[in-house]
C-alpha cells in the first residue's frame, strides 16, 4: 500500500482517539511511521487500525494492502483474549518477511511508548517486550533468516 494512503486511513480511523498517555493516537502513529524504514511505513501507519478502530481489513485491501502487509498487521493486532506477553512472543518469533516487518514496526511502537517520562500504572511491560523482540530479531539476522 502506498504510505500516503495508509496515512489517510490512519487519520480517519483514529480521529479523536486518545491513548493511555492522554495524547491523540494519531500523534503516536505518526512518530512510529517516521521511525521505520520506507518499506515499513504503510504498515506503521496502520499498526493500530485493526485493533483500535472499526476500519475493516477489506477496506485496507481495497486501498492496496498487500498480502504480506496484511500478514504483518495480523501479527501486530492483539486479540482481546491474548496476554501482552504471548502477543509479544508471537511477534518476536514470527517467520518470514511479515515477521521481519512486524518486528520493525513493533520495536518503533515500543520505543515511542517508552519515550514518555512516566508510563501510567497498568501499562504493559514495554521494556520486557522490546528486549524479547530485539533479541529474537538479532538471532534471526545472525542465522540469515531476517533482513
Protein backbone atom coordinates (compact mmCIF):
# COMPACT_ATOMS: atom_id res chain seq x y z
CA UNK A 1 0.00 0.00 0.00
CA UNK A 2 1.14 3.50 -0.69
CA UNK A 3 2.21 5.13 2.61
CA UNK A 4 0.19 8.29 1.85
CA UNK A 5 -2.97 6.19 1.51
CA UNK A 6 -2.14 4.35 4.74
CA UNK A 7 -1.60 7.68 6.48
CA UNK A 8 -5.01 8.96 5.35
CA UNK A 9 -6.69 5.77 6.58
CA UNK A 10 -4.91 6.05 9.93
CA UNK A 11 -6.03 9.66 10.33
CA UNK A 12 -9.73 8.98 9.80
CA UNK A 13 -9.60 5.66 11.70
CA UNK A 14 -8.11 7.22 14.82
CA UNK A 15 -9.99 10.52 14.67
CA UNK A 16 -10.40 11.90 18.21
CA UNK A 17 -8.94 8.75 19.85
CA UNK A 18 -6.61 9.26 22.80
CA UNK A 19 -4.07 6.80 24.17
CA UNK A 20 -3.16 5.77 27.74
CA UNK A 21 -0.92 8.86 27.93
CA UNK A 22 -3.98 11.01 27.10
CA UNK A 23 -2.44 12.06 23.79
CA UNK A 24 -4.04 11.83 20.35
CA UNK A 25 -3.41 8.33 18.98
CA UNK A 26 -2.55 9.75 15.57
CA UNK A 27 0.47 11.58 17.03
CA UNK A 28 1.84 8.23 18.25
CA UNK A 29 1.11 6.66 14.84
CA UNK A 30 2.92 9.49 13.04
CA UNK A 31 6.00 9.09 15.27
CA UNK A 32 6.09 5.32 14.73
CA UNK A 33 5.79 5.75 10.96
CA UNK A 34 8.62 8.31 10.97
CA UNK A 35 10.87 5.89 12.87
CA UNK A 36 10.71 2.93 10.46
CA UNK A 37 12.36 2.32 7.07
CA UNK A 38 10.41 3.42 3.99
CA UNK A 39 9.28 -0.13 3.17
CA UNK A 40 7.62 -0.43 6.60
CA UNK A 41 5.93 2.96 6.61
CA UNK A 42 2.46 1.89 5.37
CA UNK A 43 2.22 -0.87 7.99
CA UNK A 44 3.47 1.54 10.66
CA UNK A 45 0.67 3.97 9.82
CA UNK A 46 -1.84 1.12 10.06
CA UNK A 47 -0.38 -0.76 13.03
CA UNK A 48 -3.25 0.14 15.41
CA UNK A 49 -6.10 0.34 12.90
CA UNK A 50 -7.38 -3.24 13.10
CA UNK A 51 -7.12 -3.42 16.90
CA UNK A 52 -8.35 0.05 17.82
CA UNK A 53 -10.81 1.18 15.17
CA UNK A 54 -13.79 -0.04 13.21
CA UNK A 55 -11.96 0.13 9.88
CA UNK A 56 -12.26 -3.34 8.33
CA UNK A 57 -9.37 -5.18 6.69
CA UNK A 58 -11.43 -5.35 3.47
CA UNK A 59 -11.20 -1.57 3.24
CA UNK A 60 -7.43 -1.78 3.60
CA UNK A 61 -7.23 -4.41 0.85
CA UNK A 62 -9.35 -2.27 -1.46
CA UNK A 63 -6.85 0.54 -0.89
CA UNK A 64 -3.84 -1.55 -1.89
CA UNK A 65 -2.83 -3.54 1.21
CA UNK A 66 -0.63 -6.42 0.03
CA UNK A 67 -0.91 -9.97 1.41
CA UNK A 68 2.45 -9.58 3.18
CA UNK A 69 1.38 -6.26 4.76
CA UNK A 70 -1.88 -7.89 5.83
CA UNK A 71 0.03 -10.76 7.45
CA UNK A 72 2.24 -8.25 9.31
CA UNK A 73 -0.84 -6.33 10.51
CA UNK A 74 -2.37 -9.57 11.75
CA UNK A 75 0.78 -10.16 13.79
CA UNK A 76 0.58 -6.60 15.16
CA UNK A 77 -3.09 -6.96 16.14
CA UNK A 78 -3.57 -8.30 19.65
CA UNK A 79 -6.77 -10.22 20.29
CA UNK A 80 -8.77 -9.37 23.43
CA UNK A 81 -8.10 -12.82 24.89
CA UNK A 82 -4.34 -12.69 24.27
CA UNK A 83 -1.94 -11.62 27.00
CA UNK A 84 0.56 -8.92 26.14
CA UNK A 85 3.39 -11.37 26.77
CA UNK A 86 2.02 -14.02 24.37
CA UNK A 87 1.35 -11.31 21.79
CA UNK A 88 4.93 -10.05 22.12
CA UNK A 89 6.44 -13.51 21.76
CA UNK A 90 4.23 -14.20 18.73
CA UNK A 91 5.74 -11.16 17.01
CA UNK A 92 9.25 -11.90 18.24
CA UNK A 93 9.30 -15.39 16.73
CA UNK A 94 7.15 -14.89 13.62
CA UNK A 95 8.80 -16.29 10.49
CA UNK A 96 9.22 -14.72 7.08
CA UNK A 97 9.06 -11.23 5.67
CA UNK A 98 5.86 -10.50 7.56
CA UNK A 99 7.63 -11.30 10.83
CA UNK A 100 10.53 -9.01 9.92
CA UNK A 101 8.11 -6.23 9.05
CA UNK A 102 6.04 -6.67 12.22
CA UNK A 103 9.18 -6.66 14.42
CA UNK A 104 10.42 -3.46 12.78
CA UNK A 105 7.13 -1.68 13.41
CA UNK A 106 6.65 -3.10 16.92
CA UNK A 107 10.13 -2.01 18.01
CA UNK A 108 9.37 1.55 16.84
CA UNK A 109 6.00 1.36 18.60
CA UNK A 110 7.59 0.24 21.87
CA UNK A 111 10.33 2.88 21.67
CA UNK A 112 7.68 5.56 21.26
CA UNK A 113 5.75 4.32 24.29
CA UNK A 114 8.91 4.17 26.39
CA UNK A 115 9.94 7.70 25.39
CA UNK A 116 7.35 9.10 27.78
CA UNK A 117 8.72 10.31 31.09
CA UNK A 118 6.08 8.38 33.02
CA UNK A 119 4.34 5.19 32.00
CA UNK A 120 0.85 5.02 33.53
CA UNK A 121 0.04 2.36 36.11
CA UNK A 122 -1.25 -0.78 34.42
CA UNK A 123 0.60 -0.20 31.15
CA UNK A 124 2.08 -3.30 29.50
CA UNK A 125 5.73 -4.21 30.18
CA UNK A 126 7.17 -2.27 27.24
CA UNK A 127 10.85 -2.76 28.16
CA UNK A 128 10.37 -6.50 28.55
CA UNK A 129 8.69 -6.65 25.14
CA UNK A 130 11.39 -4.59 23.44
CA UNK A 131 14.11 -6.81 24.86
CA UNK A 132 12.43 -10.02 23.67
CA UNK A 133 11.68 -8.72 20.19
CA UNK A 134 15.16 -7.20 19.75
CA UNK A 135 16.91 -10.39 20.90
CA UNK A 136 14.77 -12.57 18.60
CA UNK A 137 15.43 -10.20 15.70
CA UNK A 138 19.20 -10.36 16.23
CA UNK A 139 19.12 -14.17 16.40
CA UNK A 140 17.18 -14.34 13.14
CA UNK A 141 19.60 -11.93 11.46
CA UNK A 142 22.61 -13.97 12.61
CA UNK A 143 21.00 -17.14 11.22
CA UNK A 144 20.27 -15.35 7.94
CA UNK A 145 16.52 -15.67 8.42
CA UNK A 146 15.76 -11.94 8.71
CA UNK A 147 16.68 -8.72 6.99
